[in-house]
Amino acid sequence: MMEPARAANAPAGTHGIVLATKRVSGADWDAIIGGFDEVCQEQMHAFAATRWPGVGQEPVVFQRGNTVIGGALVMIQPLPLKLSQMAVVKWAPMLAVASAPDAEALRVAMVDCLVREYAEKRGMMLSVLLHASPGETHRGYRALRQRGFKRGSTLLFPNRYMVKLRLSDDELRKSFHQTWRRQLNKAEKSGLEFERVEADQIDAFKTLYASMTERKQFPDHSAYETLDALMALDEPLRPELFFVRHEGETVAGALVFKAGERAVYLYGATNDRALPLRAGYFLHWQVIRWLRDHTRAQWYDLGGTDGFQGLHQFKSGMVGTAGVIRPVPPVLNFAASPWAGFVGNAAFRARDVVQHTRRRIDWVLSRKARPDQAPHVWDADLE
């Protein structure tokens, strides 16, 4: 159900931008954001409702005049003992047109609207986690720090690995690190075949994924339980499914989110034969070319490493000289009252302690692989 649009006055720092906000239903929200440049799976109602079922979802659309310029799916998180609630925004606000001349001012204007609604009017702490930015500096993070947001929790291994897509085949191959390119050359001589398949073949991917996670013994901290909800979506939000086969056998697969300007590698899976065939190299090479030729994506986001040096070596070799490795910035928090800030920050600290404790127990008691990357060192501009 849509709610009437409400106009907001322009605060300082937004160059006189006046936006109207409108709450929409989950189904309408997913239909609207499918055309956004900055759309991402975490901001989809179909994903969030499955991933965080105990959290309220409030999709908010921002308009300038009659034009939708962006939006944010705000999650309302109840705090323990019903002391308060917290408004959480992950990978947003999203811009409909990221190349707009006043794009960053529009982002700040959207955040100002969220501050007024959730922090000032409703008394919650507003928590914003921005995407990793391909740029050398994270302008969105700096703008919100200047707006009064405080630095909050950080990810243990925040780096995200992004392949630049708008290159020719020759330029892409030259960008790859020498070792990565050499492995790809060998894979191309192994008789592998690449295919984009329809969503009804998802069960074959699930079987491959289950056997891989058991074989590799990597702890799975992903949102794999959302897979069915994602594959039930309409275009353009439904992920693409790709397989690599050898002599008729499926040896590798990938599920890739491809809407907007940033395609994202969601899940990958291989069987025992994939490693000697170097099927992972062949799979990603073909996915990169498919995304370049069939989507408007500028970047192929490979995600992170969960602290595993082997994944860092594989992904950084693919990112190469043309791509970038950038961190997801720290969480940013804003509270209009001392009480909201106190209970919100206390909830984050408690969550961080629980998550870190669970991970350490998992490392000690299970057979699963342990992270072996060095801790991340933050640049001064993200402090």
Protein backbone atom coordinates (compact mmCIF):
# COMPACT_ATOMS: atom_id res chain seq x y z
CA MET A 1 0.00 0.00 0.00
CA MET A 2 1.32 3.43 -0.91
CA GLU A 3 1.26 6.30 1.55
CA PRO A 4 0.87 9.94 0.46
CA ALA A 5 4.06 11.76 -0.47
CA ARG A 6 5.35 14.19 2.15
CA ALA A 7 7.54 17.13 1.19
CA ALA A 8 10.65 17.90 3.21
CA ASN A 9 12.35 21.28 3.43
CA ALA A 10 15.92 21.51 2.19
CA PRO A 11 18.50 21.45 5.01
CA ALA A 12 21.93 23.03 4.83
CA GLY A 13 24.41 21.18 2.62
CA THR A 14 21.90 19.85 0.08
CA HIS A 15 22.04 22.82 -2.35
CA GLY A 16 18.36 23.67 -1.90
CA ILE A 17 17.14 20.19 -2.84
CA VAL A 18 13.58 19.53 -1.71
CA LEU A 19 12.43 15.92 -1.73
CA ALA A 20 9.10 14.25 -1.12
CA THR A 21 9.03 10.87 0.62
CA LYS A 22 6.52 8.09 0.05
CA ARG A 23 6.11 4.72 1.74
CA VAL A 24 5.22 1.89 -0.66
CA SER A 25 4.37 -1.79 -0.37
CA GLY A 26 7.07 -4.44 -0.63
CA ALA A 27 5.86 -5.62 -4.04
CA ASP A 28 5.71 -2.06 -5.41
CA TRP A 29 9.14 -1.36 -3.97
CA ASP A 30 10.80 -4.26 -5.77
CA ALA A 31 9.13 -3.18 -9.02
CA ILE A 32 10.35 0.42 -8.62
CA ILE A 33 13.99 -0.24 -7.74
CA GLY A 34 14.58 -2.71 -10.57
CA GLY A 35 15.55 0.22 -12.79
CA PHE A 36 17.81 1.98 -10.26
CA ASP A 37 21.51 2.29 -11.09
CA GLU A 38 22.39 1.42 -7.49
CA VAL A 39 19.91 -1.41 -6.93
CA CYS A 40 21.29 -4.30 -4.87
CA GLN A 41 19.89 -7.53 -3.49
CA GLU A 42 20.06 -6.48 0.19
CA GLN A 43 17.66 -3.63 -0.58
CA MET A 44 15.05 -5.89 -2.19
CA HIS A 45 11.98 -6.60 -0.07
CA ALA A 46 11.86 -10.21 -1.29
CA PHE A 47 15.39 -10.73 0.00
CA ALA A 48 15.15 -8.80 3.27
CA ALA A 49 11.84 -10.36 4.34
CA THR A 50 13.40 -13.83 3.99
CA ARG A 51 16.82 -12.96 5.40
CA TRP A 52 15.56 -11.03 8.45
CA PRO A 53 12.00 -12.27 9.12
CA GLY A 54 11.73 -10.70 12.58
CA VAL A 55 12.54 -7.20 11.36
CA GLY A 56 10.01 -4.68 10.06
CA GLN A 57 10.44 -3.42 6.49
CA GLU A 58 9.62 0.16 5.49
CA PRO A 59 10.36 0.88 1.79
CA VAL A 60 10.76 4.64 1.26
CA VAL A 61 10.79 6.27 -2.18
CA PHE A 62 12.21 9.78 -2.68
CA GLN A 63 10.88 12.14 -5.37
CA ARG A 64 11.95 15.53 -6.69
CA GLY A 65 8.86 16.90 -8.31
CA ASN A 66 7.33 13.99 -10.20
CA THR A 67 10.64 12.18 -10.65
CA VAL A 68 11.78 9.29 -8.46
CA ILE A 69 15.43 9.99 -7.64
CA GLY A 70 16.15 7.18 -5.18
CA GLY A 71 15.00 5.11 -2.27
CA ALA A 72 15.87 3.15 0.85
CA LEU A 73 14.49 -0.01 2.41
CA VAL A 74 14.54 0.86 6.12
CA MET A 75 14.56 -2.09 8.51
CA ILE A 76 13.04 -1.49 11.94
CA GLN A 77 14.95 -3.61 14.45
CA PRO A 78 13.37 -4.10 17.90
CA LEU A 79 15.96 -3.87 20.66
CA PRO A 80 16.13 -6.28 23.64
CA LEU A 81 13.67 -5.79 26.50
CA LYS A 82 11.63 -3.55 24.18
CA LEU A 83 13.78 -0.63 25.27
CA SER A 84 13.57 1.00 21.87
CA GLN A 85 13.83 0.37 18.14
CA MET A 86 16.59 1.04 15.66
CA ALA A 87 16.30 2.02 11.99
CA VAL A 88 18.84 0.16 9.84
CA VAL A 89 19.66 1.01 6.22
CA LYS A 90 22.04 -1.37 4.42
CA TRP A 91 23.66 -0.45 1.07
CA ALA A 92 21.45 2.62 0.77
CA PRO A 93 20.07 5.20 0.13
CA MET A 94 20.19 4.09 -3.51
CA LEU A 95 20.31 6.56 -6.38
CA ALA A 96 18.09 5.96 -9.38
CA VAL A 97 20.66 7.71 -11.61
CA ALA A 98 24.16 7.49 -10.17
CA SER A 99 25.62 9.77 -12.86
CA ALA A 100 23.36 12.74 -12.03
CA PRO A 101 25.42 15.95 -11.67
CA ASP A 102 24.15 16.42 -8.11
CA ALA A 103 24.17 12.72 -7.20
CA GLU A 104 26.03 13.07 -3.90
CA ALA A 105 23.90 16.04 -2.85
CA LEU A 106 20.82 13.95 -3.60
CA ARG A 107 22.19 11.15 -1.44
CA VAL A 108 22.72 13.53 1.46
CA ALA A 109 19.22 14.96 0.95
CA MET A 110 17.75 11.45 1.16
CA VAL A 111 19.70 10.80 4.36
CA ASP A 112 18.41 14.07 5.79
CA CYS A 113 14.86 12.90 5.17
CA LEU A 114 15.63 9.65 6.99
CA VAL A 115 17.18 11.55 9.90
CA ARG A 116 14.08 13.68 10.31
CA GLU A 117 11.68 10.72 10.14
CA TYR A 118 13.49 8.05 12.13
CA ALA A 119 15.94 9.87 14.43
CA GLU A 120 14.13 13.13 15.18
CA LYS A 121 10.44 12.31 14.80
CA ARG A 122 10.39 8.67 15.95
CA GLY A 123 13.33 8.77 18.36
CA MET A 124 15.36 5.87 16.91
CA MET A 125 19.05 5.59 16.25
CA LEU A 126 19.52 5.59 12.46
CA SER A 127 22.23 3.19 11.31
CA VAL A 128 23.53 3.40 7.73
CA LEU A 129 25.92 0.94 6.06
CA LEU A 130 27.09 2.24 2.69
CA HIS A 131 28.36 0.14 -0.22
CA ALA A 132 32.07 -0.14 -0.95
CA SER A 133 32.83 2.65 -3.41
CA PRO A 134 34.94 2.05 -6.54
CA GLY A 135 36.40 5.54 -6.11
CA GLU A 136 39.66 6.26 -4.31
CA THR A 137 37.77 8.17 -1.63
CA HIS A 138 34.33 7.34 -0.28
CA ARG A 139 32.49 10.62 -0.77
CA GLY A 140 29.26 9.29 0.71
CA TYR A 141 30.97 8.24 3.93
CA ARG A 142 32.73 11.59 4.29
CA ALA A 143 29.51 13.50 3.65
CA LEU A 144 27.63 11.61 6.37
CA ARG A 145 30.47 12.08 8.85
CA GLN A 146 30.25 15.81 8.16
CA ARG A 147 26.47 15.54 8.64
CA GLY A 148 27.06 14.36 12.22
CA PHE A 149 26.98 10.58 11.87
CA LYS A 150 29.29 8.68 14.23
CA ARG A 151 31.58 5.82 13.22
CA GLY A 152 30.23 2.47 14.39
CA SER A 153 30.91 -1.23 13.88
CA THR A 154 33.24 -2.54 11.20
CA LEU A 155 33.43 -5.79 9.26
CA LEU A 156 36.28 -8.15 10.14
CA PHE A 157 37.32 -8.49 6.50
CA PRO A 158 35.70 -5.52 4.70
CA ASN A 159 37.47 -5.56 1.31
CA ARG A 160 35.36 -6.06 -1.80
CA TYR A 161 36.88 -7.07 -5.12
CA MET A 162 35.53 -5.33 -8.24
CA VAL A 163 36.28 -6.21 -11.86
CA LYS A 164 35.92 -3.41 -14.42
CA LEU A 165 33.56 -4.63 -17.14
CA ARG A 166 33.65 -2.00 -19.89
CA LEU A 167 36.80 -3.36 -21.52
CA SER A 168 37.53 -5.39 -24.63
CA ASP A 169 38.57 -9.04 -24.36
CA ASP A 170 42.21 -8.07 -24.95
CA GLU A 171 42.06 -5.31 -22.34
CA LEU A 172 40.47 -7.63 -19.80
CA ARG A 173 43.07 -10.34 -20.29
CA LYS A 174 45.92 -7.83 -20.04
CA SER A 175 44.43 -6.57 -16.78
CA PHE A 176 44.46 -10.00 -15.12
CA HIS A 177 47.52 -10.81 -13.05
CA GLN A 178 49.98 -13.03 -14.90
CA THR A 179 49.29 -16.15 -12.83
CA TRP A 180 45.52 -15.74 -13.23
CA ARG A 181 45.86 -15.27 -16.98
CA ARG A 182 48.08 -18.35 -17.25
CA GLN A 183 45.51 -20.48 -15.41
CA LEU A 184 42.77 -19.17 -17.71
CA ASN A 185 44.83 -20.11 -20.77
CA LYS A 186 45.14 -23.67 -19.48
CA ALA A 187 41.40 -23.83 -18.67
CA GLU A 188 40.52 -22.83 -22.23
CA LYS A 189 42.39 -25.90 -23.51
CA SER A 190 40.48 -28.31 -21.24
CA GLY A 191 37.35 -28.76 -23.35
CA LEU A 192 35.07 -26.77 -21.04
CA GLU A 193 31.68 -25.42 -22.14
CA PHE A 194 29.87 -22.39 -20.69
CA GLU A 195 26.10 -21.98 -20.61
CA ARG A 196 23.56 -19.53 -19.22
CA VAL A 197 20.62 -21.61 -17.99
CA GLU A 198 17.06 -20.89 -16.87
CA ALA A 199 15.91 -20.54 -13.27
CA ASP A 200 14.26 -23.98 -13.31
CA GLN A 201 17.74 -25.55 -13.13
CA ILE A 202 18.42 -24.12 -9.67
CA ASP A 203 18.16 -27.57 -8.03
CA ALA A 204 21.23 -28.71 -9.96
CA PHE A 205 23.11 -25.73 -8.55
CA LYS A 206 21.92 -26.50 -5.01
CA THR A 207 23.25 -30.05 -5.28
CA LEU A 208 26.61 -28.77 -6.50
CA TYR A 209 26.75 -26.15 -3.74
CA ALA A 210 25.94 -28.61 -0.95
CA SER A 211 28.67 -31.03 -2.01
CA MET A 212 31.20 -28.21 -2.34
CA THR A 213 30.61 -26.72 1.12
CA GLU A 214 31.00 -30.17 2.69
CA ARG A 215 34.18 -30.85 0.72
CA LYS A 216 35.91 -27.50 1.28
CA GLN A 217 34.80 -27.10 4.91
CA PHE A 218 34.41 -23.34 4.60
CA PRO A 219 32.02 -21.83 7.17
CA ASP A 220 29.00 -20.46 5.30
CA HIS A 221 28.01 -16.98 6.53
CA SER A 222 26.04 -16.17 3.38
CA ALA A 223 22.32 -15.58 2.86
CA TYR A 224 21.90 -18.89 1.03
CA GLU A 225 18.45 -19.43 2.57
CA THR A 226 17.13 -16.59 0.39
CA LEU A 227 17.90 -18.45 -2.83
CA ASP A 228 14.36 -19.63 -3.61
CA ALA A 229 12.91 -16.16 -3.00
CA LEU A 230 15.48 -14.60 -5.33
CA MET A 231 14.89 -17.09 -8.13
CA ALA A 232 11.12 -16.49 -7.92
CA LEU A 233 11.56 -12.80 -8.80
CA ASP A 234 10.77 -11.30 -12.19
CA GLU A 235 13.31 -9.58 -14.41
CA PRO A 236 15.49 -7.64 -13.93
CA LEU A 237 15.92 -8.56 -10.25
CA ARG A 238 16.09 -12.33 -10.70
CA PRO A 239 19.74 -13.49 -10.64
CA GLU A 240 21.34 -15.20 -13.60
CA LEU A 241 22.46 -18.83 -13.36
CA PHE A 242 25.53 -20.07 -15.24
CA PHE A 243 27.08 -23.53 -15.57
CA VAL A 244 30.38 -24.86 -16.87
CA ARG A 245 30.33 -28.43 -18.16
CA HIS A 246 33.00 -30.93 -19.12
CA GLU A 247 32.10 -33.94 -21.23
CA GLY A 248 28.44 -33.41 -20.33
CA GLU A 249 29.02 -33.16 -16.57
CA THR A 250 28.32 -29.94 -14.67
CA VAL A 251 31.57 -29.09 -12.88
CA ALA A 252 30.99 -25.46 -11.84
CA GLY A 253 28.16 -22.97 -11.44
CA ALA A 254 27.57 -19.35 -10.47
CA LEU A 255 24.60 -17.26 -9.44
CA VAL A 256 25.00 -13.57 -10.33
CA PHE A 257 22.87 -10.52 -9.54
CA LYS A 258 22.95 -8.39 -12.68
CA ALA A 259 20.50 -5.47 -12.27
CA GLY A 260 21.88 -1.93 -12.09
CA GLU A 261 25.43 -0.74 -12.61
CA ARG A 262 27.03 -3.22 -10.19
CA ALA A 263 26.66 -6.92 -10.92
CA VAL A 264 27.37 -9.11 -7.89
CA TYR A 265 28.72 -12.64 -7.63
CA LEU A 266 26.29 -14.15 -5.14
CA TYR A 267 27.18 -17.85 -4.98
CA GLY A 268 29.53 -20.23 -6.71
CA ALA A 269 29.90 -24.00 -6.62
CA THR A 270 32.28 -26.61 -8.03
CA ASN A 271 32.76 -30.37 -7.88
CA ASP A 272 35.94 -32.45 -7.45
CA ARG A 273 36.81 -32.30 -11.16
CA ALA A 274 36.69 -28.50 -11.33
CA LEU A 275 40.08 -27.83 -9.74
CA PRO A 276 42.33 -29.76 -12.16
CA LEU A 277 40.25 -28.41 -15.05
CA ARG A 278 40.60 -24.85 -13.68
CA ALA A 279 36.87 -24.47 -14.22
CA GLY A 280 36.59 -21.52 -11.82
CA TYR A 281 38.83 -19.39 -14.03
CA PHE A 282 36.89 -20.32 -17.15
CA LEU A 283 33.55 -19.69 -15.41
CA HIS A 284 34.38 -16.18 -14.22
CA TRP A 285 35.97 -15.21 -17.53
CA GLN A 286 32.81 -16.16 -19.38
CA VAL A 287 30.56 -14.47 -16.79
CA ILE A 288 32.57 -11.25 -17.12
CA ARG A 289 32.14 -11.29 -20.89
CA TRP A 290 28.42 -12.13 -20.62
CA LEU A 291 27.80 -9.27 -18.19
CA ARG A 292 29.66 -6.84 -20.43
CA ASP A 293 27.69 -7.89 -23.51
CA HIS A 294 24.19 -8.36 -22.01
CA THR A 295 23.84 -5.86 -19.14
CA ARG A 296 24.55 -2.23 -18.34
CA ALA A 297 26.75 -3.13 -15.35
CA GLN A 298 29.99 -1.19 -15.00
CA TRP A 299 31.48 -3.43 -12.30
CA TYR A 300 31.44 -7.11 -11.37
CA ASP A 301 31.56 -7.23 -7.56
CA LEU A 302 33.14 -10.52 -6.46
CA GLY A 303 32.29 -9.95 -2.79
CA GLY A 304 34.80 -10.52 -0.02
CA THR A 305 37.03 -13.31 1.25
CA ASP A 306 35.78 -14.05 4.79
CA GLY A 307 39.44 -13.85 5.73
CA PHE A 308 40.83 -16.60 3.48
CA GLN A 309 44.11 -15.78 1.74
CA GLY A 310 43.45 -18.24 -1.07
CA LEU A 311 40.28 -16.38 -2.03
CA HIS A 312 42.18 -13.10 -1.88
CA GLN A 313 44.76 -14.41 -4.33
CA PHE A 314 42.13 -15.74 -6.73
CA LYS A 315 39.94 -12.62 -6.65
CA SER A 316 42.74 -10.07 -6.69
CA GLY A 317 44.23 -11.80 -9.74
CA MET A 318 40.90 -11.43 -11.52
CA VAL A 319 40.49 -7.78 -10.44
CA GLY A 320 43.89 -7.16 -11.96
CA THR A 321 45.24 -3.74 -12.85
CA ALA A 322 41.99 -2.28 -14.21
CA GLY A 323 39.73 -3.21 -11.29
CA VAL A 324 39.74 -2.08 -7.68
CA ILE A 325 39.75 -3.53 -4.17
CA ARG A 326 37.86 -1.29 -1.77
CA PRO A 327 36.52 -1.77 1.78
CA VAL A 328 32.93 -1.63 2.91
CA PRO A 329 33.09 1.44 5.19
CA PRO A 330 32.24 1.33 8.89
CA VAL A 331 28.62 1.58 9.96
CA LEU A 332 27.48 5.17 10.50
CA ASN A 333 25.07 5.98 13.33
CA PHE A 334 22.97 9.05 14.08
CA ALA A 335 20.90 9.61 17.21
CA ALA A 336 18.94 12.75 18.03
CA SER A 337 18.83 11.94 21.76
CA PRO A 338 21.39 10.53 24.23
CA TRP A 339 19.04 7.64 25.11
CA ALA A 340 18.62 6.52 21.50
CA GLY A 341 22.38 6.63 21.01
CA PHE A 342 23.06 4.74 24.23
CA VAL A 343 20.68 1.83 23.61
CA GLY A 344 21.50 1.65 19.91
CA ASN A 345 25.26 1.53 20.43
CA ALA A 346 24.85 -0.94 23.30
CA ALA A 347 22.86 -3.23 21.00
CA PHE A 348 25.57 -3.06 18.33
CA ARG A 349 28.32 -3.81 20.85
CA ALA A 350 26.39 -6.80 22.19
CA ARG A 351 25.77 -8.09 18.66
CA ASP A 352 29.45 -7.75 17.77
CA VAL A 353 30.52 -9.67 20.88
CA VAL A 354 28.06 -12.47 20.14
CA GLN A 355 29.08 -12.75 16.48
CA HIS A 356 32.81 -12.74 17.23
CA THR A 357 32.35 -15.31 20.00
CA ARG A 358 30.36 -17.61 17.73
CA ARG A 359 33.00 -17.40 15.03
CA ARG A 360 35.81 -18.24 17.46
CA ILE A 361 33.88 -21.18 18.90
CA ASP A 362 33.25 -22.37 15.35
CA TRP A 363 36.97 -22.15 14.57
CA VAL A 364 37.93 -24.11 17.70
CA LEU A 365 35.27 -26.83 17.71
CA SER A 366 34.58 -27.51 14.05
CA ARG A 367 36.56 -29.09 11.22
CA LYS A 368 35.97 -26.06 9.05
CA ALA A 369 38.77 -23.91 7.67
CA ARG A 370 39.97 -20.95 9.71
CA PRO A 371 40.61 -17.48 8.26
CA ASP A 372 44.29 -16.82 7.58
CA GLN A 373 44.29 -13.23 6.31
CA ALA A 374 45.82 -10.42 8.35
CA PRO A 375 43.37 -7.99 10.01
CA HIS A 376 42.31 -5.06 7.85
CA VAL A 377 44.11 -1.74 8.37
CA TRP A 378 41.75 1.19 7.91
CA ASP A 379 42.74 4.27 5.92
CA ALA A 380 42.55 7.59 7.70
CA ASP A 381 39.60 8.82 5.61
CA LEU A 382 37.43 5.96 6.94
CA GLU A 383 38.25 6.59 10.58
